[in-house]
Amino acid sequence: MNKRLKEILKGALFFGIYYSGALHLLILILTKFRKKHYAAILFYHRFSSDSSNDYGLPHLDVHEFKKQMRHIKRWYSVVTMDELANRVTKGNPFTSPSVVITIDDGYLNNYTLAYPVLRELDLPAIIYLTTGFIGTNKAPWVDCLINILSVTKAKTLCFPDLLGGEVLDISTQRGERAAITKIFQVMVRLEHKEKTLAMEKLSEILSVKEIWGDDNERKMLNWNEVMEMSRNKISFGAHTVSHPTLSRMELPEAKQEIYESKMEIEARIGCKVRHFAIPNGKIEDFNEELKRYCEEIGVKTVVSTEPGVISAQSDPYLLQRICPSTPIYLSACELARYMFLGKRTVNTE
């Protein structure tokens, strides 16, 4: 059975389970009769409305986000990262299936689109800020990559240092998307300085001189928006200053990225920052020295993007998270599989 057919069958099964009410009955039964439960840390990045044209980066439609938030509010205990950290560090089991809502990077649409939903439903969440971009007209390097490809007048891209002899067709939207994916997969593994040089070279090759001019539309939060949200159930964690791949930097530089991000947020909102999210989020993007450093400077949890659920035995300095899928019947059923089967991954391959 090929992968496409498996996905169709899984979708049909989950559609029936969700809309028949069977899923909700199962959640009620398992929640009541189980004594120990898992927690799930959901993570998001960008949000869009129907009019969004931000096709180059993954984003979640805000209407779908609202459906997901209504679902978890009704069927799970929504807790803060502080509450989760307290249980994990003390080894206390979760007495009900619990969910933490997290958002990475600090995009403006976190405030304009996601925040109103969270406030309407009275749900807590934590946003991990890449502080070097907050309050500026700049954005993480992947946004810069997309900006370069969207404004260039070039029809093809030849970048031997990055792509070898391959020539990419970027004359169409489909070609741009494919190029973004290919370049991202190569650049994300580069050392931070190499990545910076590669971006400069890409700009030169494609004859794009100014990426983030003063008249550019702001992509990231500003500190006034952060302050407002901090007064309304939104907490903030550190996510470095410039979103580098920490494991590919010199250790003192990597530590500085973490420390300065933490200190900047604390100075701005007047609260201790106890939580950190690893840029890119894979196991290989972090290391034992940085785990120990986070503990030394008062960080209580570190989250990855590795899939899985949280138990009382989880390592607080390498917590797994789940990226919800769409539509709602898929995300709801997959979350239940994680919660009640303790699945590290829900791939059906």
C-alpha atoms as a PDB file:
ATOM      1  CA  MET A   1       0.000   0.000   0.000  1.00  0.00           C
ATOM      2  CA  ASN A   2       1.595   3.306  -1.029  1.00  0.00           C
ATOM      3  CA  LYS A   3       1.945   6.318   1.228  1.00  0.00           C
ATOM      4  CA  ARG A   4      -0.704   8.402  -0.550  1.00  0.00           C
ATOM      5  CA  LEU A   5      -3.335   5.680  -0.176  1.00  0.00           C
ATOM      6  CA  LYS A   6      -2.459   5.250   3.495  1.00  0.00           C
ATOM      7  CA  GLU A   7      -2.973   8.958   4.070  1.00  0.00           C
ATOM      8  CA  ILE A   8      -6.370   8.880   2.348  1.00  0.00           C
ATOM      9  CA  LEU A   9      -7.526   5.902   4.415  1.00  0.00           C
ATOM     10  CA  LYS A  10      -6.237   7.451   7.632  1.00  0.00           C
ATOM     11  CA  GLY A  11      -8.024  10.703   6.824  1.00  0.00           C
ATOM     12  CA  ALA A  12     -11.293   8.891   6.151  1.00  0.00           C
ATOM     13  CA  LEU A  13     -10.991   6.914   9.398  1.00  0.00           C
ATOM     14  CA  PHE A  14     -10.199   9.983  11.508  1.00  0.00           C
ATOM     15  CA  PHE A  15     -12.999  11.955   9.838  1.00  0.00           C
ATOM     16  CA  GLY A  16     -15.499   9.293  10.884  1.00  0.00           C
ATOM     17  CA  ILE A  17     -14.135   8.961  14.420  1.00  0.00           C
ATOM     18  CA  TYR A  18     -14.181  12.719  14.993  1.00  0.00           C
ATOM     19  CA  TYR A  19     -17.542  13.657  13.483  1.00  0.00           C
ATOM     20  CA  SER A  20     -19.379  10.608  14.848  1.00  0.00           C
ATOM     21  CA  GLY A  21     -18.533  11.701  18.392  1.00  0.00           C
ATOM     22  CA  ALA A  22     -16.591   8.485  19.039  1.00  0.00           C
ATOM     23  CA  LEU A  23     -13.373  10.399  19.693  1.00  0.00           C
ATOM     24  CA  HIS A  24     -14.964  12.569  22.354  1.00  0.00           C
ATOM     25  CA  LEU A  25     -16.510   9.572  24.092  1.00  0.00           C
ATOM     26  CA  LEU A  26     -13.135   7.818  24.082  1.00  0.00           C
ATOM     27  CA  ILE A  27     -11.397  10.868  25.565  1.00  0.00           C
ATOM     28  CA  LEU A  28     -14.003  11.033  28.351  1.00  0.00           C
ATOM     29  CA  ILE A  29     -13.614   7.350  29.210  1.00  0.00           C
ATOM     30  CA  LEU A  30      -9.808   7.314  29.160  1.00  0.00           C
ATOM     31  CA  THR A  31      -9.559  10.561  31.121  1.00  0.00           C
ATOM     32  CA  LYS A  32     -11.852   9.233  33.841  1.00  0.00           C
ATOM     33  CA  PHE A  33     -10.418   5.764  34.294  1.00  0.00           C
ATOM     34  CA  ARG A  34      -6.704   6.418  33.900  1.00  0.00           C
ATOM     35  CA  LYS A  35      -4.793   7.614  36.944  1.00  0.00           C
ATOM     36  CA  LYS A  36      -1.620   8.763  35.177  1.00  0.00           C
ATOM     37  CA  HIS A  37      -1.607  10.850  32.038  1.00  0.00           C
ATOM     38  CA  TYR A  38       0.681  12.519  29.526  1.00  0.00           C
ATOM     39  CA  ALA A  39       1.047  16.180  28.656  1.00  0.00           C
ATOM     40  CA  ALA A  40       1.438  17.490  25.125  1.00  0.00           C
ATOM     41  CA  ILE A  41       3.288  20.676  24.215  1.00  0.00           C
ATOM     42  CA  LEU A  42       1.794  22.024  21.004  1.00  0.00           C
ATOM     43  CA  PHE A  43       3.900  24.390  18.936  1.00  0.00           C
ATOM     44  CA  TYR A  44       3.112  26.942  16.254  1.00  0.00           C
ATOM     45  CA  HIS A  45       5.007  29.624  14.334  1.00  0.00           C
ATOM     46  CA  ARG A  46       3.052  31.790  11.917  1.00  0.00           C
ATOM     47  CA  PHE A  47      -0.646  32.419  11.390  1.00  0.00           C
ATOM     48  CA  SER A  48      -2.553  33.642   8.370  1.00  0.00           C
ATOM     49  CA  SER A  49      -5.960  34.966   7.465  1.00  0.00           C
ATOM     50  CA  ASP A  50      -7.841  34.216   4.246  1.00  0.00           C
ATOM     51  CA  SER A  51      -6.111  37.153   2.587  1.00  0.00           C
ATOM     52  CA  SER A  52      -2.576  36.035   3.467  1.00  0.00           C
ATOM     53  CA  ASN A  53      -0.088  35.647   0.618  1.00  0.00           C
ATOM     54  CA  ASP A  54       2.796  34.432   2.759  1.00  0.00           C
ATOM     55  CA  TYR A  55       3.050  31.275   0.688  1.00  0.00           C
ATOM     56  CA  GLY A  56       6.753  30.710   1.216  1.00  0.00           C
ATOM     57  CA  LEU A  57       6.639  29.667   4.863  1.00  0.00           C
ATOM     58  CA  PRO A  58       4.413  27.197   6.710  1.00  0.00           C
ATOM     59  CA  HIS A  59       1.551  28.951   8.462  1.00  0.00           C
ATOM     60  CA  LEU A  60      -1.748  28.002  10.063  1.00  0.00           C
ATOM     61  CA  ASP A  61      -5.032  29.603   9.086  1.00  0.00           C
ATOM     62  CA  VAL A  62      -6.387  31.405  12.134  1.00  0.00           C
ATOM     63  CA  HIS A  63      -9.832  29.815  11.702  1.00  0.00           C
ATOM     64  CA  GLU A  64      -8.243  26.379  11.944  1.00  0.00           C
ATOM     65  CA  PHE A  65      -6.251  27.558  14.972  1.00  0.00           C
ATOM     66  CA  LYS A  66      -9.482  28.605  16.672  1.00  0.00           C
ATOM     67  CA  LYS A  67     -11.015  25.165  16.052  1.00  0.00           C
ATOM     68  CA  GLN A  68      -7.958  23.520  17.595  1.00  0.00           C
ATOM     69  CA  MET A  69      -8.026  25.805  20.622  1.00  0.00           C
ATOM     70  CA  ARG A  70     -11.753  25.184  21.209  1.00  0.00           C
ATOM     71  CA  HIS A  71     -11.106  21.450  21.025  1.00  0.00           C
ATOM     72  CA  ILE A  72      -8.276  21.389  23.566  1.00  0.00           C
ATOM     73  CA  LYS A  73     -10.128  23.773  25.899  1.00  0.00           C
ATOM     74  CA  ARG A  74     -13.121  21.423  25.961  1.00  0.00           C
ATOM     75  CA  TRP A  75     -11.352  18.076  26.254  1.00  0.00           C
ATOM     76  CA  TYR A  76      -7.986  18.686  27.965  1.00  0.00           C
ATOM     77  CA  SER A  77      -6.457  20.605  30.849  1.00  0.00           C
ATOM     78  CA  VAL A  78      -4.647  23.600  29.356  1.00  0.00           C
ATOM     79  CA  VAL A  79      -1.708  24.464  31.617  1.00  0.00           C
ATOM     80  CA  THR A  80       1.181  26.921  31.578  1.00  0.00           C
ATOM     81  CA  MET A  81       4.799  25.996  30.956  1.00  0.00           C
ATOM     82  CA  ASP A  82       5.502  26.888  34.592  1.00  0.00           C
ATOM     83  CA  GLU A  83       2.928  24.324  35.734  1.00  0.00           C
ATOM     84  CA  LEU A  84       4.372  21.670  33.436  1.00  0.00           C
ATOM     85  CA  ALA A  85       7.917  22.440  34.605  1.00  0.00           C
ATOM     86  CA  ASN A  86       6.864  22.122  38.242  1.00  0.00           C
ATOM     87  CA  ARG A  87       5.467  18.622  37.678  1.00  0.00           C
ATOM     88  CA  VAL A  88       8.355  17.366  35.575  1.00  0.00           C
ATOM     89  CA  THR A  89      11.117  18.687  37.847  1.00  0.00           C
ATOM     90  CA  LYS A  90       9.425  17.146  40.889  1.00  0.00           C
ATOM     91  CA  GLY A  91       8.553  13.898  39.101  1.00  0.00           C
ATOM     92  CA  ASN A  92       4.836  14.313  39.790  1.00  0.00           C
ATOM     93  CA  PRO A  93       2.586  12.450  37.315  1.00  0.00           C
ATOM     94  CA  PHE A  94      -0.070  14.360  35.387  1.00  0.00           C
ATOM     95  CA  THR A  95      -3.491  13.642  36.902  1.00  0.00           C
ATOM     96  CA  SER A  96      -5.319  14.628  33.692  1.00  0.00           C
ATOM     97  CA  PRO A  97      -4.304  14.804  30.024  1.00  0.00           C
ATOM     98  CA  SER A  98      -2.726  18.257  29.759  1.00  0.00           C
ATOM     99  CA  VAL A  99      -1.738  20.631  26.977  1.00  0.00           C
ATOM    100  CA  VAL A 100       0.676  23.564  26.788  1.00  0.00           C
ATOM    101  CA  ILE A 101       0.358  26.043  23.895  1.00  0.00           C
ATOM    102  CA  THR A 102       3.664  27.387  22.577  1.00  0.00           C
ATOM    103  CA  ILE A 103       4.556  29.697  19.674  1.00  0.00           C
ATOM    104  CA  ASP A 104       8.076  30.224  18.321  1.00  0.00           C
ATOM    105  CA  ASP A 105       9.942  33.281  16.992  1.00  0.00           C
ATOM    106  CA  GLY A 106       7.576  36.171  17.741  1.00  0.00           C
ATOM    107  CA  TYR A 107       5.916  37.081  14.459  1.00  0.00           C
ATOM    108  CA  LEU A 108       3.520  40.015  14.324  1.00  0.00           C
ATOM    109  CA  ASN A 109       0.657  37.687  13.369  1.00  0.00           C
ATOM    110  CA  ASN A 110       1.030  36.069  16.807  1.00  0.00           C
ATOM    111  CA  TYR A 111      -0.423  39.348  18.129  1.00  0.00           C
ATOM    112  CA  THR A 112      -2.850  40.255  15.338  1.00  0.00           C
ATOM    113  CA  LEU A 113      -4.311  36.782  14.735  1.00  0.00           C
ATOM    114  CA  ALA A 114      -3.460  34.209  17.429  1.00  0.00           C
ATOM    115  CA  TYR A 115      -3.626  36.438  20.505  1.00  0.00           C
ATOM    116  CA  PRO A 116      -7.298  37.495  19.985  1.00  0.00           C
ATOM    117  CA  VAL A 117      -8.262  33.798  19.790  1.00  0.00           C
ATOM    118  CA  LEU A 118      -6.349  32.943  22.955  1.00  0.00           C
ATOM    119  CA  ARG A 119      -7.825  35.903  24.781  1.00  0.00           C
ATOM    120  CA  GLU A 120     -11.385  35.149  23.661  1.00  0.00           C
ATOM    121  CA  LEU A 121     -11.064  31.558  24.911  1.00  0.00           C
ATOM    122  CA  ASP A 122      -9.136  32.627  28.049  1.00  0.00           C
ATOM    123  CA  LEU A 123      -6.214  30.294  27.294  1.00  0.00           C
ATOM    124  CA  PRO A 124      -2.619  30.713  28.483  1.00  0.00           C
ATOM    125  CA  ALA A 125       0.283  30.373  26.053  1.00  0.00           C
ATOM    126  CA  ILE A 126       4.000  31.037  25.837  1.00  0.00           C
ATOM    127  CA  ILE A 127       5.775  32.782  22.955  1.00  0.00           C
ATOM    128  CA  TYR A 128       9.509  32.159  22.523  1.00  0.00           C
ATOM    129  CA  LEU A 129      11.085  35.382  21.252  1.00  0.00           C
ATOM    130  CA  THR A 130      14.025  35.764  18.885  1.00  0.00           C
ATOM    131  CA  THR A 131      14.879  39.051  20.537  1.00  0.00           C
ATOM    132  CA  GLY A 132      17.204  40.532  17.922  1.00  0.00           C
ATOM    133  CA  PHE A 133      14.251  41.004  15.582  1.00  0.00           C
ATOM    134  CA  ILE A 134      11.644  42.260  18.069  1.00  0.00           C
ATOM    135  CA  GLY A 135      10.848  45.925  17.531  1.00  0.00           C
ATOM    136  CA  THR A 136      12.763  46.057  14.230  1.00  0.00           C
ATOM    137  CA  ASN A 137      11.868  45.754  10.553  1.00  0.00           C
ATOM    138  CA  LYS A 138      14.048  42.636  10.249  1.00  0.00           C
ATOM    139  CA  ALA A 139      13.162  38.954  10.523  1.00  0.00           C
ATOM    140  CA  PRO A 140      14.876  35.525  10.794  1.00  0.00           C
ATOM    141  CA  TRP A 141      17.138  34.375   7.976  1.00  0.00           C
ATOM    142  CA  VAL A 142      14.527  32.113   6.407  1.00  0.00           C
ATOM    143  CA  ASP A 143      12.242  35.137   5.915  1.00  0.00           C
ATOM    144  CA  CYS A 144      15.216  36.920   4.382  1.00  0.00           C
ATOM    145  CA  LEU A 145      15.689  33.990   2.002  1.00  0.00           C
ATOM    146  CA  ILE A 146      12.070  34.243   0.877  1.00  0.00           C
ATOM    147  CA  ASN A 147      12.290  37.999   0.505  1.00  0.00           C
ATOM    148  CA  ILE A 148      15.335  37.688  -1.765  1.00  0.00           C
ATOM    149  CA  LEU A 149      13.634  35.149  -4.032  1.00  0.00           C
ATOM    150  CA  SER A 150      10.376  37.107  -4.145  1.00  0.00           C
ATOM    151  CA  VAL A 151      11.914  40.436  -5.222  1.00  0.00           C
ATOM    152  CA  THR A 152      14.656  39.289  -7.601  1.00  0.00           C
ATOM    153  CA  LYS A 153      14.100  39.736 -11.318  1.00  0.00           C
ATOM    154  CA  ALA A 154      16.288  36.731 -12.098  1.00  0.00           C
ATOM    155  CA  LYS A 155      14.627  33.707 -13.699  1.00  0.00           C
ATOM    156  CA  THR A 156      17.222  31.108 -12.689  1.00  0.00           C
ATOM    157  CA  LEU A 157      19.588  30.573  -9.783  1.00  0.00           C
ATOM    158  CA  CYS A 158      23.082  29.137 -10.058  1.00  0.00           C
ATOM    159  CA  PHE A 159      24.893  29.006  -6.704  1.00  0.00           C
ATOM    160  CA  PRO A 160      27.803  26.503  -7.022  1.00  0.00           C
ATOM    161  CA  ASP A 161      29.014  26.911  -3.419  1.00  0.00           C
ATOM    162  CA  LEU A 162      25.587  25.877  -2.129  1.00  0.00           C
ATOM    163  CA  LEU A 163      23.973  23.853  -4.909  1.00  0.00           C
ATOM    164  CA  GLY A 164      26.918  22.458  -6.838  1.00  0.00           C
ATOM    165  CA  GLY A 165      26.234  22.501 -10.576  1.00  0.00           C
ATOM    166  CA  GLU A 166      22.448  22.533 -10.249  1.00  0.00           C
ATOM    167  CA  VAL A 167      20.567  25.437 -11.829  1.00  0.00           C
ATOM    168  CA  LEU A 168      17.175  26.208 -10.292  1.00  0.00           C
ATOM    169  CA  ASP A 169      14.230  27.631 -12.237  1.00  0.00           C
ATOM    170  CA  ILE A 170      12.756  30.453 -10.128  1.00  0.00           C
ATOM    171  CA  SER A 171      10.635  32.024 -12.863  1.00  0.00           C
ATOM    172  CA  THR A 172       7.364  30.715 -11.380  1.00  0.00           C
ATOM    173  CA  GLN A 173       5.811  30.618  -7.918  1.00  0.00           C
ATOM    174  CA  ARG A 174       6.157  26.843  -7.923  1.00  0.00           C
ATOM    175  CA  GLY A 175       9.824  27.169  -8.830  1.00  0.00           C
ATOM    176  CA  GLU A 176      10.380  29.689  -6.028  1.00  0.00           C
ATOM    177  CA  ARG A 177       8.801  27.344  -3.492  1.00  0.00           C
ATOM    178  CA  ALA A 178      10.969  24.438  -4.624  1.00  0.00           C
ATOM    179  CA  ALA A 179      14.081  26.623  -4.483  1.00  0.00           C
ATOM    180  CA  ILE A 180      13.234  27.850  -0.987  1.00  0.00           C
ATOM    181  CA  THR A 181      12.852  24.275   0.242  1.00  0.00           C
ATOM    182  CA  LYS A 182      16.102  23.110  -1.354  1.00  0.00           C
ATOM    183  CA  ILE A 183      18.178  26.087  -0.162  1.00  0.00           C
ATOM    184  CA  PHE A 184      16.699  25.902   3.343  1.00  0.00           C
ATOM    185  CA  GLN A 185      17.633  22.232   3.686  1.00  0.00           C
ATOM    186  CA  VAL A 186      21.249  23.058   2.839  1.00  0.00           C
ATOM    187  CA  MET A 187      21.593  26.305   4.785  1.00  0.00           C
ATOM    188  CA  VAL A 188      19.968  25.167   8.027  1.00  0.00           C
ATOM    189  CA  ARG A 189      22.932  22.845   8.619  1.00  0.00           C
ATOM    190  CA  LEU A 190      25.606  25.493   7.992  1.00  0.00           C
ATOM    191  CA  GLU A 191      27.637  27.126  10.739  1.00  0.00           C
ATOM    192  CA  HIS A 192      26.224  30.517  11.689  1.00  0.00           C
ATOM    193  CA  LYS A 193      28.976  32.549  10.016  1.00  0.00           C
ATOM    194  CA  GLU A 194      28.791  30.410   6.877  1.00  0.00           C
ATOM    195  CA  LYS A 195      25.033  30.957   6.765  1.00  0.00           C
ATOM    196  CA  THR A 196      25.474  34.727   6.990  1.00  0.00           C
ATOM    197  CA  LEU A 197      28.031  34.702   4.179  1.00  0.00           C
ATOM    198  CA  ALA A 198      25.794  32.463   2.065  1.00  0.00           C
ATOM    199  CA  MET A 199      22.883  34.889   2.430  1.00  0.00           C
ATOM    200  CA  GLU A 200      25.117  37.783   1.376  1.00  0.00           C
ATOM    201  CA  LYS A 201      26.339  35.799  -1.634  1.00  0.00           C
ATOM    202  CA  LEU A 202      22.776  34.839  -2.589  1.00  0.00           C
ATOM    203  CA  SER A 203      21.783  38.525  -2.542  1.00  0.00           C
ATOM    204  CA  GLU A 204      24.729  39.333  -4.780  1.00  0.00           C
ATOM    205  CA  ILE A 205      23.973  36.528  -7.260  1.00  0.00           C
ATOM    206  CA  LEU A 206      20.316  37.559  -7.556  1.00  0.00           C
ATOM    207  CA  SER A 207      21.114  41.305  -7.622  1.00  0.00           C
ATOM    208  CA  VAL A 208      19.055  42.105  -4.553  1.00  0.00           C
ATOM    209  CA  LYS A 209      20.740  44.880  -2.588  1.00  0.00           C
ATOM    210  CA  GLU A 210      18.216  45.849   0.087  1.00  0.00           C
ATOM    211  CA  ILE A 211      16.285  43.111   1.878  1.00  0.00           C
ATOM    212  CA  TRP A 212      14.743  44.956   4.801  1.00  0.00           C
ATOM    213  CA  GLY A 213      14.397  48.637   3.979  1.00  0.00           C
ATOM    214  CA  ASP A 214      12.901  51.199   6.342  1.00  0.00           C
ATOM    215  CA  ASP A 215       9.640  51.119   4.403  1.00  0.00           C
ATOM    216  CA  ASN A 216       9.316  47.333   4.643  1.00  0.00           C
ATOM    217  CA  GLU A 217       6.196  45.936   6.257  1.00  0.00           C
ATOM    218  CA  ARG A 218       7.010  44.805   9.809  1.00  0.00           C
ATOM    219  CA  LYS A 219       6.974  41.025  10.250  1.00  0.00           C
ATOM    220  CA  MET A 220       7.826  40.699  13.943  1.00  0.00           C
ATOM    221  CA  LEU A 221       6.313  41.821  17.246  1.00  0.00           C
ATOM    222  CA  ASN A 222       7.358  45.027  18.938  1.00  0.00           C
ATOM    223  CA  TRP A 223       7.921  45.391  22.675  1.00  0.00           C
ATOM    224  CA  ASN A 224       4.653  47.264  23.289  1.00  0.00           C
ATOM    225  CA  GLU A 225       2.752  44.276  21.900  1.00  0.00           C
ATOM    226  CA  VAL A 226       4.837  41.921  24.033  1.00  0.00           C
ATOM    227  CA  MET A 227       4.060  44.001  27.119  1.00  0.00           C
ATOM    228  CA  GLU A 228       0.329  44.018  26.395  1.00  0.00           C
ATOM    229  CA  MET A 229       0.200  40.253  25.937  1.00  0.00           C
ATOM    230  CA  SER A 230       2.282  39.662  29.064  1.00  0.00           C
ATOM    231  CA  ARG A 231      -0.512  41.276  31.080  1.00  0.00           C
ATOM    232  CA  ASN A 232      -3.084  38.885  29.589  1.00  0.00           C
ATOM    233  CA  LYS A 233      -2.001  35.276  30.190  1.00  0.00           C
ATOM    234  CA  ILE A 234       0.753  35.199  27.564  1.00  0.00           C
ATOM    235  CA  SER A 235       4.193  34.430  28.958  1.00  0.00           C
ATOM    236  CA  PHE A 236       7.488  34.687  27.124  1.00  0.00           C
ATOM    237  CA  GLY A 237      10.518  32.484  26.733  1.00  0.00           C
ATOM    238  CA  ALA A 238      13.928  32.948  25.124  1.00  0.00           C
ATOM    239  CA  HIS A 239      14.696  31.740  21.592  1.00  0.00           C
ATOM    240  CA  THR A 240      18.169  33.314  21.126  1.00  0.00           C
ATOM    241  CA  VAL A 241      19.000  36.722  19.654  1.00  0.00           C
ATOM    242  CA  SER A 242      19.474  35.846  15.974  1.00  0.00           C
ATOM    243  CA  HIS A 243      18.058  32.291  15.566  1.00  0.00           C
ATOM    244  CA  PRO A 244      21.360  30.509  14.778  1.00  0.00           C
ATOM    245  CA  THR A 245      22.000  26.768  14.835  1.00  0.00           C
ATOM    246  CA  LEU A 246      23.583  26.722  18.300  1.00  0.00           C
ATOM    247  CA  SER A 247      25.446  23.437  17.950  1.00  0.00           C
ATOM    248  CA  ARG A 248      27.303  24.875  14.940  1.00  0.00           C
ATOM    249  CA  MET A 249      28.659  27.895  16.808  1.00  0.00           C
ATOM    250  CA  GLU A 250      31.567  28.310  19.185  1.00  0.00           C
ATOM    251  CA  LEU A 251      30.314  27.478  22.692  1.00  0.00           C
ATOM    252  CA  PRO A 252      30.840  31.015  24.143  1.00  0.00           C
ATOM    253  CA  GLU A 253      28.886  32.523  21.230  1.00  0.00           C
ATOM    254  CA  ALA A 254      26.059  30.027  21.658  1.00  0.00           C
ATOM    255  CA  LYS A 255      25.856  30.770  25.388  1.00  0.00           C
ATOM    256  CA  GLN A 256      25.773  34.489  24.644  1.00  0.00           C
ATOM    257  CA  GLU A 257      22.851  34.008  22.233  1.00  0.00           C
ATOM    258  CA  ILE A 258      20.845  32.297  24.988  1.00  0.00           C
ATOM    259  CA  TYR A 259      21.845  34.646  27.796  1.00  0.00           C
ATOM    260  CA  GLU A 260      21.279  37.920  25.935  1.00  0.00           C
ATOM    261  CA  SER A 261      17.868  36.778  24.711  1.00  0.00           C
ATOM    262  CA  LYS A 262      16.841  35.841  28.251  1.00  0.00           C
ATOM    263  CA  MET A 263      18.134  39.092  29.762  1.00  0.00           C
ATOM    264  CA  GLU A 264      16.495  41.299  27.139  1.00  0.00           C
ATOM    265  CA  ILE A 265      13.049  39.818  27.739  1.00  0.00           C
ATOM    266  CA  GLU A 266      13.424  40.073  31.508  1.00  0.00           C
ATOM    267  CA  ALA A 267      14.426  43.724  31.230  1.00  0.00           C
ATOM    268  CA  ARG A 268      11.486  44.505  28.972  1.00  0.00           C
ATOM    269  CA  ILE A 269       8.645  42.719  30.792  1.00  0.00           C
ATOM    270  CA  GLY A 270       9.987  42.731  34.343  1.00  0.00           C
ATOM    271  CA  CYS A 271       9.560  38.981  34.868  1.00  0.00           C
ATOM    272  CA  LYS A 272      12.023  36.106  35.133  1.00  0.00           C
ATOM    273  CA  VAL A 273      12.411  34.071  31.940  1.00  0.00           C
ATOM    274  CA  ARG A 274      12.513  30.377  32.872  1.00  0.00           C
ATOM    275  CA  HIS A 275      11.958  28.698  29.510  1.00  0.00           C
ATOM    276  CA  PHE A 276      13.978  28.344  26.301  1.00  0.00           C
ATOM    277  CA  ALA A 277      13.247  26.951  22.820  1.00  0.00           C
ATOM    278  CA  ILE A 278      16.028  25.540  20.643  1.00  0.00           C
ATOM    279  CA  PRO A 279      16.258  27.201  17.205  1.00  0.00           C
ATOM    280  CA  ASN A 280      15.397  24.567  14.554  1.00  0.00           C
ATOM    281  CA  GLY A 281      14.711  22.294  17.505  1.00  0.00           C
ATOM    282  CA  LYS A 282      16.321  18.989  16.569  1.00  0.00           C
ATOM    283  CA  ILE A 283      18.445  16.926  18.956  1.00  0.00           C
ATOM    284  CA  GLU A 284      21.554  17.656  16.915  1.00  0.00           C
ATOM    285  CA  ASP A 285      20.926  21.415  17.249  1.00  0.00           C
ATOM    286  CA  PHE A 286      21.702  21.351  20.994  1.00  0.00           C
ATOM    287  CA  ASN A 287      24.258  19.660  23.252  1.00  0.00           C
ATOM    288  CA  GLU A 288      25.028  18.717  26.859  1.00  0.00           C
ATOM    289  CA  GLU A 289      27.144  21.829  27.517  1.00  0.00           C
ATOM    290  CA  LEU A 290      24.261  24.095  26.540  1.00  0.00           C
ATOM    291  CA  LYS A 291      21.803  22.067  28.613  1.00  0.00           C
ATOM    292  CA  ARG A 292      24.005  22.548  31.667  1.00  0.00           C
ATOM    293  CA  TYR A 293      24.398  26.245  30.883  1.00  0.00           C
ATOM    294  CA  CYS A 294      20.638  26.752  30.693  1.00  0.00           C
ATOM    295  CA  GLU A 295      20.281  25.175  34.121  1.00  0.00           C
ATOM    296  CA  GLU A 296      23.067  27.402  35.508  1.00  0.00           C
ATOM    297  CA  ILE A 297      21.360  30.637  34.393  1.00  0.00           C
ATOM    298  CA  GLY A 298      17.954  29.707  35.815  1.00  0.00           C
ATOM    299  CA  VAL A 299      16.220  28.171  32.815  1.00  0.00           C
ATOM    300  CA  LYS A 300      13.793  25.457  33.983  1.00  0.00           C
ATOM    301  CA  THR A 301      12.777  23.911  30.634  1.00  0.00           C
ATOM    302  CA  VAL A 302      14.174  23.609  27.125  1.00  0.00           C
ATOM    303  CA  VAL A 303      11.823  22.579  24.305  1.00  0.00           C
ATOM    304  CA  SER A 304      12.723  20.918  21.026  1.00  0.00           C
ATOM    305  CA  THR A 305      10.711  20.197  17.895  1.00  0.00           C
ATOM    306  CA  GLU A 306      11.205  16.447  18.247  1.00  0.00           C
ATOM    307  CA  PRO A 307       7.742  14.811  18.340  1.00  0.00           C
ATOM    308  CA  GLY A 308       6.392  13.216  21.493  1.00  0.00           C
ATOM    309  CA  VAL A 309       4.527  13.653  24.769  1.00  0.00           C
ATOM    310  CA  ILE A 310       5.666  14.564  28.266  1.00  0.00           C
ATOM    311  CA  SER A 311       5.599  12.403  31.374  1.00  0.00           C
ATOM    312  CA  ALA A 312       6.885  12.868  34.918  1.00  0.00           C
ATOM    313  CA  GLN A 313      10.099  11.131  33.785  1.00  0.00           C
ATOM    314  CA  SER A 314      10.812  13.485  30.861  1.00  0.00           C
ATOM    315  CA  ASP A 315      14.077  15.420  30.670  1.00  0.00           C
ATOM    316  CA  PRO A 316      13.077  19.057  31.348  1.00  0.00           C
ATOM    317  CA  TYR A 317      16.043  20.222  29.250  1.00  0.00           C
ATOM    318  CA  LEU A 318      14.961  18.404  26.093  1.00  0.00           C
ATOM    319  CA  LEU A 319      11.178  18.357  26.042  1.00  0.00           C
ATOM    320  CA  GLN A 320       9.341  17.059  22.983  1.00  0.00           C
ATOM    321  CA  ARG A 321       6.582  18.975  21.227  1.00  0.00           C
ATOM    322  CA  ILE A 322       3.840  18.271  18.700  1.00  0.00           C
ATOM    323  CA  CYS A 323       3.124  20.343  15.600  1.00  0.00           C
ATOM    324  CA  PRO A 324      -0.657  19.970  15.030  1.00  0.00           C
ATOM    325  CA  SER A 325      -1.768  18.962  11.558  1.00  0.00           C
ATOM    326  CA  THR A 326      -4.877  20.094   9.701  1.00  0.00           C
ATOM    327  CA  PRO A 327      -7.839  19.899   9.346  1.00  0.00           C
ATOM    328  CA  ILE A 328      -9.338  19.656  12.827  1.00  0.00           C
ATOM    329  CA  TYR A 329     -10.369  15.992  12.630  1.00  0.00           C
ATOM    330  CA  LEU A 330      -6.753  15.007  11.877  1.00  0.00           C
ATOM    331  CA  SER A 331      -5.191  17.159  14.592  1.00  0.00           C
ATOM    332  CA  ALA A 332      -7.779  16.051  17.187  1.00  0.00           C
ATOM    333  CA  CYS A 333      -7.345  12.334  16.493  1.00  0.00           C
ATOM    334  CA  GLU A 334      -3.554  12.509  16.281  1.00  0.00           C
ATOM    335  CA  LEU A 335      -3.379  14.422  19.559  1.00  0.00           C
ATOM    336  CA  ALA A 336      -5.527  11.752  21.227  1.00  0.00           C
ATOM    337  CA  ARG A 337      -3.176   9.028  19.922  1.00  0.00           C
ATOM    338  CA  TYR A 338      -0.240  10.834  21.462  1.00  0.00           C
ATOM    339  CA  MET A 339      -2.061  11.446  24.729  1.00  0.00           C
ATOM    340  CA  PHE A 340      -3.473   8.009  25.350  1.00  0.00           C
ATOM    341  CA  LEU A 341      -1.048   5.720  23.550  1.00  0.00           C
ATOM    342  CA  GLY A 342       2.080   7.691  24.406  1.00  0.00           C
ATOM    343  CA  LYS A 343       3.141   7.594  20.790  1.00  0.00           C
ATOM    344  CA  ARG A 344       6.446   9.283  20.056  1.00  0.00           C
ATOM    345  CA  THR A 345       5.318   9.703  16.478  1.00  0.00           C
ATOM    346  CA  VAL A 346       2.087   9.064  14.613  1.00  0.00           C
ATOM    347  CA  ASN A 347       3.596   8.295  11.207  1.00  0.00           C
ATOM    348  CA  THR A 348       1.787   5.437   9.503  1.00  0.00           C
ATOM    349  CA  GLU A 349       4.648   4.472   7.229  1.00  0.00           C
END
